[in-house]
Amino acid sequence: MYKHRNFWFAAVALLIAVILIASTANLVALVTMALGATAIYLLITALTRQYPLSSPSVSNKSESRTKEIFALGKLFEATLDEMREGLLVVDSNMQVVASNPAAHRLFNSSLKRLESQRLTELTRNPAICGAFMDALKGIERSGVEVETHSPGRRVFDLSVVPLSGIEDKEPSVALGVFFDITKLEKLERVRQEFLSNVSHELRTPLTAILAFVETLESGALEDTENSRRFIAIIRKNATRMQDLIDDILELSAIEAGNVDVRPEEIELNSLTNDVITALHAKAASGGISVSNRVSSGTIVFADPRRLEQMLTNLVDNAIKFNREGGSVTVGCEVGVSSTRILVRDTGEGIPAQHLERLFERFYRVDRARSREMGGTGLGLAIVKHLARAHGGEVKVTSELGSGSLFEIDLPQLTH
């Protein structure tokens, strides 16, 4: 990146470096020091090309010192090359005078080098151009959010500082550093969505509870038949809130790695029977048959309580979203290195556009139907994280009109 610079540019770069190193208290202190060392390296490179060091008048001490500076310069050059942050230096004519590979990738330029290009030729983004123009006027800019869409959407936090010579009144160059905050921005968006979803999920049953409490307080307590019905509705919504809070706490603990998973050899057929028995009443109310197709003696390596939790969530979902009079089957396929636990239903199926997000927190294909059946929207997210805690994975395949198949892949115990 820094090769083929002429002597005069190297001299100017050294002057800038001195100024930069003198101002290491600002946000880009580390970067400025790196630029300084690299500039020294450039200057010495240029000098030695014009005045070779092989001259007999050069002492061994000078040669040793020069080699040290060369090594230091190369070290910082490599540091700049490997920086994840994009670095861009623009002069008073808005021309790029220095950059690193991260900046080149940021602008997705077809040019081999950004140097000597005008900033407006590289980007039309008003936030970037405005920040550098302000810096060249002596105004330091920080926290500038920059969004790019080529090749994919990325978000950067841009900081630009003005730099000037000792006797210059106006800044001669502007140094900008692009910090990639795409992942942080995504996490913040997920956090906001989570808070919004939790608030909404709690508000619905809470509103119902308050409404019926007010009705009872207004004299409905004396109406025995209706008061019992109101109390049943209050209990149902209170239970829904409790289930939601329990699932949120459970999922948070799993995601934080605070859940202790203790795998052991389990007889899967027996555990599956326990799950089916626990959900028998719910299945019978919808005329749905649940069958255990797991061969007797099938052994899996998993935490018994957590595997039962995963199976319960999947079978419960298969019952809730099934057709009236439909069926659910639980099976297993034992491979060389993994065991696949299969839960198949005869429901309406899931549209393809929903499959990718199905295991996200609070994601529902049919929100109204899910709430009506008492779902929290967290069951599949819990299954996903518990499967991963075992070193496995969960996936789904579905076809409209033909039902869905959920698979838990768990690693086998190696003897």
Protein backbone atom coordinates (compact mmCIF):
# COMPACT_ATOMS: atom_id res chain seq x y z
CA MET A 1 0.00 0.00 0.00
CA TYR A 2 2.81 2.39 0.84
CA LYS A 3 5.21 1.39 -1.93
CA HIS A 4 6.28 3.60 -4.83
CA ARG A 5 5.95 6.86 -2.85
CA ASN A 6 8.39 9.55 -3.87
CA PHE A 7 10.85 11.29 -1.59
CA TRP A 8 8.88 14.51 -1.17
CA PHE A 9 5.68 12.76 -0.21
CA ALA A 10 7.64 10.77 2.37
CA ALA A 11 9.05 13.98 3.80
CA VAL A 12 5.57 15.47 4.08
CA ALA A 13 4.36 12.24 5.66
CA LEU A 14 7.11 12.47 8.27
CA LEU A 15 6.08 16.05 9.10
CA ILE A 16 2.48 14.94 9.55
CA ALA A 17 3.66 12.03 11.69
CA VAL A 18 5.45 14.34 14.11
CA ILE A 19 2.27 16.38 14.52
CA LEU A 20 0.23 13.22 14.95
CA ILE A 21 2.48 11.72 17.60
CA ALA A 22 2.37 15.02 19.47
CA SER A 23 -1.42 14.77 19.73
CA THR A 24 -1.85 11.20 20.99
CA ALA A 25 -4.51 12.26 23.52
CA ASN A 26 -7.28 12.09 20.96
CA LEU A 27 -9.45 9.16 19.90
CA VAL A 28 -7.14 7.94 17.15
CA ALA A 29 -3.93 7.99 19.17
CA LEU A 30 -2.94 4.44 18.34
CA VAL A 31 -3.57 4.96 14.66
CA THR A 32 -1.63 8.21 14.58
CA MET A 33 1.39 6.61 16.21
CA ALA A 34 1.24 3.84 13.63
CA LEU A 35 1.13 6.41 10.84
CA GLY A 36 4.10 8.17 12.36
CA ALA A 37 6.27 5.09 12.43
CA THR A 38 5.19 4.16 8.91
CA ALA A 39 6.03 7.63 7.66
CA ILE A 40 9.52 7.35 9.15
CA TYR A 41 9.87 4.06 7.36
CA LEU A 42 8.78 5.68 4.08
CA LEU A 43 11.21 8.55 4.47
CA ILE A 44 14.16 6.29 5.15
CA THR A 45 13.18 4.10 2.21
CA ALA A 46 13.14 7.13 -0.07
CA LEU A 47 16.44 8.44 1.30
CA THR A 48 18.24 5.15 0.93
CA ARG A 49 17.09 4.89 -2.68
CA GLN A 50 18.74 8.25 -3.45
CA TYR A 51 21.68 7.82 -1.05
CA PRO A 52 22.50 4.13 -0.70
CA LEU A 53 23.61 3.00 2.76
CA SER A 54 26.40 0.92 1.29
CA SER A 55 28.69 3.97 1.37
CA PRO A 56 31.85 3.31 3.41
CA SER A 57 31.19 6.51 5.39
CA VAL A 58 28.13 5.01 7.05
CA SER A 59 29.04 3.48 10.38
CA ASN A 60 27.91 0.06 11.61
CA LYS A 61 25.96 1.78 14.37
CA SER A 62 23.97 3.83 11.89
CA GLU A 63 23.28 0.74 9.79
CA SER A 64 22.02 -1.11 12.87
CA ARG A 65 19.79 1.78 13.88
CA THR A 66 18.44 2.07 10.35
CA LYS A 67 17.57 -1.64 10.31
CA GLU A 68 15.70 -1.23 13.59
CA ILE A 69 13.67 1.65 12.16
CA PHE A 70 12.97 -0.35 9.02
CA ALA A 71 11.74 -3.26 11.14
CA LEU A 72 9.57 -0.95 13.25
CA GLY A 73 8.16 0.69 10.14
CA LYS A 74 7.31 -2.66 8.59
CA LEU A 75 5.69 -3.77 11.83
CA PHE A 76 3.39 -0.74 11.89
CA GLU A 77 2.73 -1.03 8.16
CA ALA A 78 1.60 -4.61 8.76
CA THR A 79 -0.51 -3.41 11.69
CA LEU A 80 -2.30 -0.87 9.50
CA ASP A 81 -2.80 -3.48 6.79
CA GLU A 82 -4.42 -5.88 9.28
CA MET A 83 -6.61 -3.31 11.01
CA ARG A 84 -10.31 -4.09 10.84
CA GLU A 85 -11.05 -0.37 11.05
CA GLY A 86 -10.92 1.59 7.82
CA LEU A 87 -8.34 4.40 7.83
CA LEU A 88 -8.50 7.33 5.41
CA VAL A 89 -6.41 10.51 5.20
CA VAL A 90 -7.73 13.29 2.95
CA ASP A 91 -5.95 16.54 2.06
CA SER A 92 -7.39 20.04 1.71
CA ASN A 93 -8.40 19.28 -1.90
CA MET A 94 -10.47 16.32 -0.69
CA GLN A 95 -7.98 13.93 -2.29
CA VAL A 96 -7.01 10.71 -0.55
CA VAL A 97 -3.34 10.73 0.48
CA ALA A 98 -3.29 7.56 2.59
CA SER A 99 -5.53 4.58 3.30
CA ASN A 100 -5.44 0.96 4.42
CA PRO A 101 -6.96 -2.23 2.94
CA ALA A 102 -9.98 -2.04 5.28
CA ALA A 103 -10.86 1.37 3.81
CA HIS A 104 -10.44 -0.05 0.30
CA ARG A 105 -12.92 -2.83 1.12
CA LEU A 106 -15.28 -0.33 2.71
CA PHE A 107 -15.56 1.70 -0.49
CA ASN A 108 -15.67 -1.47 -2.61
CA SER A 109 -13.44 0.25 -5.11
CA SER A 110 -12.36 -1.39 -8.37
CA LEU A 111 -9.17 0.70 -8.21
CA LYS A 112 -5.99 -0.89 -6.92
CA ARG A 113 -5.29 2.15 -4.75
CA LEU A 114 -7.43 4.90 -3.26
CA GLU A 115 -4.58 7.39 -3.10
CA SER A 116 -4.88 10.46 -5.38
CA GLN A 117 -8.61 9.84 -5.80
CA ARG A 118 -11.05 12.52 -4.77
CA LEU A 119 -13.31 11.46 -1.92
CA THR A 120 -16.39 12.43 -3.92
CA GLU A 121 -15.29 9.97 -6.63
CA LEU A 122 -15.22 7.15 -4.10
CA THR A 123 -18.52 7.86 -2.40
CA ARG A 124 -21.57 10.08 -2.68
CA ASN A 125 -22.50 9.43 0.94
CA PRO A 126 -23.25 12.88 2.41
CA ALA A 127 -22.39 11.79 5.95
CA ILE A 128 -18.84 10.76 4.96
CA CYS A 129 -18.14 13.78 2.75
CA GLY A 130 -19.64 16.17 5.29
CA ALA A 131 -17.56 14.79 8.15
CA PHE A 132 -14.28 15.18 6.22
CA MET A 133 -15.23 18.67 5.00
CA ASP A 134 -15.96 19.75 8.58
CA ALA A 135 -12.62 18.36 9.74
CA LEU A 136 -10.79 20.32 7.04
CA LYS A 137 -12.49 23.41 8.49
CA GLY A 138 -11.09 22.55 11.90
CA ILE A 139 -14.21 20.87 13.32
CA GLU A 140 -13.61 17.47 14.87
CA ARG A 141 -16.40 14.99 14.15
CA SER A 142 -17.11 11.81 16.09
CA GLY A 143 -19.99 9.36 16.32
CA VAL A 144 -21.02 9.91 12.70
CA GLU A 145 -23.20 6.96 11.66
CA VAL A 146 -22.48 5.80 8.14
CA GLU A 147 -24.53 3.14 6.36
CA THR A 148 -23.41 1.33 3.22
CA HIS A 149 -25.27 -1.19 1.07
CA SER A 150 -22.62 -2.65 -1.19
CA PRO A 151 -22.30 -5.59 -1.25
CA GLY A 152 -24.41 -5.96 1.93
CA ARG A 153 -25.76 -3.60 4.56
CA ARG A 154 -23.04 -2.42 6.94
CA VAL A 155 -23.04 0.30 9.59
CA PHE A 156 -19.95 2.29 10.63
CA ASP A 157 -19.15 4.76 13.37
CA LEU A 158 -16.93 7.42 11.74
CA SER A 159 -14.55 9.70 13.64
CA VAL A 160 -12.65 12.41 11.73
CA VAL A 161 -10.04 14.76 13.22
CA PRO A 162 -8.36 17.79 11.59
CA LEU A 163 -4.55 17.80 11.40
CA SER A 164 -2.39 20.82 10.64
CA GLY A 165 1.25 21.79 10.58
CA ILE A 166 2.96 23.76 13.36
CA GLU A 167 2.70 27.07 11.50
CA ASP A 168 -0.51 26.32 9.58
CA LYS A 169 -3.63 28.11 10.69
CA GLU A 170 -5.94 25.85 8.71
CA PRO A 171 -5.93 22.02 8.81
CA SER A 172 -3.89 20.51 5.98
CA VAL A 173 -5.35 17.02 6.18
CA ALA A 174 -8.24 15.17 7.83
CA LEU A 175 -7.80 11.72 9.35
CA GLY A 176 -10.86 9.47 9.49
CA VAL A 177 -11.33 6.09 11.16
CA PHE A 178 -14.31 3.86 10.28
CA PHE A 179 -15.35 1.51 13.08
CA ASP A 180 -17.60 -1.34 11.90
CA ILE A 181 -20.58 -1.49 14.29
CA THR A 182 -22.82 -3.66 12.12
CA LYS A 183 -23.00 -6.46 14.69
CA LEU A 184 -23.50 -4.04 17.57
CA GLU A 185 -26.28 -2.31 15.67
CA LYS A 186 -27.93 -5.64 14.97
CA LEU A 187 -27.71 -6.65 18.63
CA GLU A 188 -29.22 -3.32 19.66
CA ARG A 189 -32.07 -3.85 17.20
CA VAL A 190 -32.66 -7.36 18.58
CA ARG A 191 -32.67 -5.96 22.13
CA GLN A 192 -35.23 -3.32 21.21
CA GLU A 193 -37.42 -5.88 19.44
CA PHE A 194 -37.17 -8.15 22.48
CA LEU A 195 -38.26 -5.40 24.87
CA SER A 196 -41.08 -4.42 22.54
CA ASN A 197 -42.27 -8.03 22.23
CA VAL A 198 -42.08 -8.66 25.98
CA SER A 199 -44.07 -5.49 26.68
CA HIS A 200 -46.71 -6.49 24.15
CA GLU A 201 -46.96 -10.09 25.37
CA LEU A 202 -47.37 -8.97 28.99
CA ARG A 203 -49.75 -6.12 28.19
CA THR A 204 -52.36 -8.37 26.54
CA PRO A 205 -53.08 -10.71 29.50
CA LEU A 206 -52.57 -7.91 32.01
CA THR A 207 -55.21 -5.79 30.27
CA ALA A 208 -57.65 -8.71 30.40
CA ILE A 209 -56.97 -9.30 34.08
CA LEU A 210 -57.51 -5.64 34.98
CA ALA A 211 -60.72 -5.47 32.92
CA PHE A 212 -62.30 -8.46 34.64
CA VAL A 213 -61.14 -7.34 38.08
CA GLU A 214 -62.87 -3.99 37.50
CA THR A 215 -66.00 -5.84 36.35
CA LEU A 216 -66.02 -7.93 39.52
CA GLU A 217 -65.47 -4.86 41.67
CA SER A 218 -68.42 -3.18 39.99
CA GLY A 219 -70.84 -5.76 41.40
CA ALA A 220 -70.36 -8.85 39.27
CA LEU A 221 -69.17 -10.78 42.34
CA GLU A 222 -72.80 -11.25 43.30
CA ASP A 223 -73.48 -12.92 39.94
CA THR A 224 -72.21 -16.39 40.81
CA GLU A 225 -72.24 -17.86 37.30
CA ASN A 226 -70.45 -14.95 35.60
CA SER A 227 -68.08 -14.32 38.49
CA ARG A 228 -66.78 -17.88 38.24
CA ARG A 229 -66.26 -17.44 34.50
CA PHE A 230 -64.44 -14.13 35.05
CA ILE A 231 -62.19 -15.68 37.70
CA ALA A 232 -61.37 -18.55 35.32
CA ILE A 233 -60.35 -16.02 32.64
CA ILE A 234 -58.23 -14.11 35.17
CA ARG A 235 -56.51 -17.34 36.19
CA LYS A 236 -55.88 -18.27 32.55
CA ASN A 237 -54.25 -14.92 31.80
CA ALA A 238 -52.25 -14.93 35.04
CA THR A 239 -50.96 -18.42 34.14
CA ARG A 240 -50.03 -17.16 30.69
CA MET A 241 -48.03 -14.30 32.23
CA GLN A 242 -46.29 -16.69 34.61
CA ASP A 243 -45.42 -19.07 31.74
CA LEU A 244 -44.05 -16.16 29.72
CA ILE A 245 -41.86 -14.91 32.56
CA ASP A 246 -40.63 -18.45 33.28
CA ASP A 247 -39.72 -18.94 29.62
CA ILE A 248 -37.93 -15.56 29.45
CA LEU A 249 -35.86 -16.40 32.54
CA GLU A 250 -35.14 -19.89 31.21
CA LEU A 251 -34.08 -18.65 27.79
CA SER A 252 -31.91 -15.88 29.28
CA ALA A 253 -30.13 -18.40 31.49
CA ILE A 254 -29.53 -20.75 28.54
CA GLU A 255 -28.23 -17.96 26.27
CA ALA A 256 -25.92 -16.70 29.04
CA GLY A 257 -24.47 -20.21 29.48
CA ASN A 258 -25.77 -20.47 33.05
CA VAL A 259 -27.64 -23.71 32.43
CA ASP A 260 -25.75 -26.79 33.56
CA VAL A 261 -26.13 -29.50 30.90
CA ARG A 262 -25.10 -32.92 32.18
CA PRO A 263 -25.38 -35.48 29.37
CA GLU A 264 -25.78 -39.16 30.18
CA GLU A 265 -27.05 -42.27 28.45
CA ILE A 266 -30.86 -42.21 28.30
CA GLU A 267 -33.39 -44.79 27.13
CA LEU A 268 -35.28 -42.61 24.63
CA ASN A 269 -38.38 -44.78 24.26
CA SER A 270 -39.20 -44.51 27.96
CA LEU A 271 -38.60 -40.74 28.05
CA THR A 272 -40.81 -40.25 24.98
CA ASN A 273 -43.63 -42.18 26.68
CA ASP A 274 -43.38 -39.82 29.68
CA VAL A 275 -43.72 -36.78 27.41
CA ILE A 276 -46.70 -38.24 25.55
CA THR A 277 -48.43 -39.14 28.82
CA ALA A 278 -47.98 -35.58 30.15
CA LEU A 279 -49.58 -34.13 27.01
CA HIS A 280 -52.31 -36.77 26.62
CA ALA A 281 -55.15 -34.54 27.86
CA LYS A 282 -54.25 -31.69 25.50
CA ALA A 283 -54.00 -34.08 22.53
CA ALA A 284 -57.29 -35.81 23.40
CA SER A 285 -59.16 -32.49 23.56
CA GLY A 286 -58.36 -31.93 19.89
CA GLY A 287 -58.85 -35.53 18.84
CA ILE A 288 -55.13 -35.81 18.02
CA SER A 289 -53.27 -39.11 18.36
CA VAL A 290 -49.64 -39.09 19.49
CA SER A 291 -47.58 -42.21 18.81
CA ASN A 292 -44.14 -43.31 19.91
CA ARG A 293 -42.14 -44.83 17.04
CA VAL A 294 -38.84 -44.93 18.93
CA SER A 295 -37.45 -48.45 19.04
CA SER A 296 -37.19 -50.01 22.48
CA GLY A 297 -33.63 -49.92 23.80
CA THR A 298 -32.60 -46.82 21.79
CA ILE A 299 -29.97 -44.94 23.78
CA VAL A 300 -29.17 -41.24 23.37
CA PHE A 301 -26.53 -39.15 25.12
CA ALA A 302 -28.17 -36.05 26.62
CA ASP A 303 -29.25 -34.30 29.80
CA PRO A 304 -32.50 -36.11 30.76
CA ARG A 305 -34.34 -33.02 32.03
CA ARG A 306 -33.29 -30.83 29.09
CA LEU A 307 -34.09 -33.47 26.49
CA GLU A 308 -37.54 -33.93 28.03
CA GLN A 309 -37.99 -30.15 27.87
CA MET A 310 -37.05 -30.07 24.19
CA LEU A 311 -39.35 -32.98 23.31
CA THR A 312 -42.21 -31.51 25.32
CA ASN A 313 -41.94 -28.17 23.50
CA LEU A 314 -41.88 -29.82 20.07
CA VAL A 315 -44.71 -32.29 20.73
CA ASP A 316 -46.78 -29.57 22.41
CA ASN A 317 -46.38 -27.35 19.32
CA ALA A 318 -47.22 -30.27 17.03
CA ILE A 319 -50.47 -30.80 18.96
CA LYS A 320 -51.44 -27.12 19.11
CA PHE A 321 -50.92 -26.43 15.41
CA ASN A 322 -52.31 -29.70 14.09
CA ARG A 323 -55.55 -30.40 12.27
CA GLU A 324 -58.51 -31.63 14.24
CA GLY A 325 -58.24 -35.39 14.31
CA GLY A 326 -54.62 -35.25 13.13
CA SER A 327 -51.60 -37.17 14.38
CA VAL A 328 -48.14 -36.63 15.84
CA THR A 329 -45.35 -39.21 15.68
CA VAL A 330 -42.05 -39.24 17.53
CA GLY A 331 -39.25 -41.27 15.95
CA CYS A 332 -35.49 -41.65 16.01
CA GLU A 333 -32.67 -42.39 13.58
CA VAL A 334 -29.33 -43.48 15.03
CA GLY A 335 -26.29 -42.66 12.92
CA VAL A 336 -22.57 -43.26 13.31
CA SER A 337 -21.79 -39.91 14.95
CA SER A 338 -25.22 -38.47 15.80
CA THR A 339 -28.76 -39.32 16.79
CA ARG A 340 -31.72 -37.65 15.09
CA ILE A 341 -34.94 -37.33 17.09
CA LEU A 342 -37.89 -36.70 14.77
CA VAL A 343 -41.23 -35.06 15.61
CA ARG A 344 -43.69 -35.14 12.70
CA ASP A 345 -47.20 -33.69 12.57
CA THR A 346 -50.06 -33.64 10.07
CA GLY A 347 -50.83 -29.93 10.42
CA GLU A 348 -51.30 -27.34 7.71
CA GLY A 349 -47.57 -26.85 7.25
CA ILE A 350 -45.45 -23.70 7.48
CA PRO A 351 -44.94 -21.29 4.56
CA ALA A 352 -41.33 -21.33 3.31
CA GLN A 353 -40.72 -17.65 4.06
CA HIS A 354 -41.21 -18.30 7.79
CA LEU A 355 -38.89 -21.30 8.19
CA GLU A 356 -35.64 -19.33 8.52
CA ARG A 357 -36.93 -17.23 11.43
CA LEU A 358 -39.03 -19.88 13.13
CA PHE A 359 -36.56 -20.39 16.01
CA GLU A 360 -36.27 -16.68 16.84
CA ARG A 361 -37.66 -15.37 20.12
CA PHE A 362 -41.34 -14.39 19.90
CA TYR A 363 -41.53 -15.25 16.21
CA ARG A 364 -44.94 -16.61 15.25
CA VAL A 365 -46.39 -17.67 11.92
CA ASP A 366 -49.95 -17.03 13.10
CA ARG A 367 -49.80 -14.62 16.06
CA ALA A 368 -53.51 -14.61 16.83
CA ARG A 369 -53.80 -18.40 16.83
CA SER A 370 -50.65 -18.82 18.92
CA ARG A 371 -51.86 -16.43 21.63
CA GLU A 372 -55.31 -18.03 21.63
CA MET A 373 -53.69 -21.38 22.36
CA GLY A 374 -51.56 -19.96 25.15
CA GLY A 375 -48.15 -19.98 23.44
CA THR A 376 -45.39 -17.67 24.68
CA GLY A 377 -43.47 -17.59 21.40
CA LEU A 378 -40.30 -18.79 23.14
CA GLY A 379 -40.64 -22.58 23.03
CA LEU A 380 -38.75 -23.15 19.78
CA ALA A 381 -36.03 -20.65 20.74
CA ILE A 382 -35.48 -22.66 23.94
CA VAL A 383 -35.27 -25.89 21.91
CA LYS A 384 -32.66 -24.34 19.60
CA HIS A 385 -30.42 -23.13 22.43
CA LEU A 386 -30.72 -26.36 24.43
CA ALA A 387 -29.80 -28.40 21.35
CA ARG A 388 -26.73 -26.21 20.83
CA ALA A 389 -25.83 -26.53 24.50
CA HIS A 390 -25.59 -30.28 23.82
CA GLY A 391 -23.35 -29.65 20.82
CA GLY A 392 -26.22 -30.40 18.45
CA GLU A 393 -28.72 -28.54 16.30
CA VAL A 394 -32.42 -28.37 15.51
CA LYS A 395 -33.99 -27.86 12.10
CA VAL A 396 -37.38 -27.95 10.43
CA THR A 397 -38.75 -28.94 7.05
CA SER A 398 -42.33 -28.27 6.07
CA GLU A 399 -44.69 -28.29 3.14
CA LEU A 400 -48.04 -26.55 3.00
CA GLY A 401 -50.83 -29.07 3.33
CA SER A 402 -48.47 -31.89 4.35
CA GLY A 403 -47.42 -31.00 7.90
CA SER A 404 -44.00 -30.32 9.42
CA LEU A 405 -40.97 -32.31 10.55
CA PHE A 406 -38.74 -31.10 13.38
CA GLU A 407 -35.36 -32.78 13.89
CA ILE A 408 -33.05 -32.62 16.91
CA ASP A 409 -29.54 -33.76 16.01
CA LEU A 410 -27.51 -34.79 19.06
CA PRO A 411 -23.91 -36.05 19.00
CA GLN A 412 -23.35 -39.70 19.93
CA LEU A 413 -21.27 -40.74 22.91
CA THR A 414 -17.85 -41.89 21.68
CA HIS A 415 -16.35 -44.77 23.63
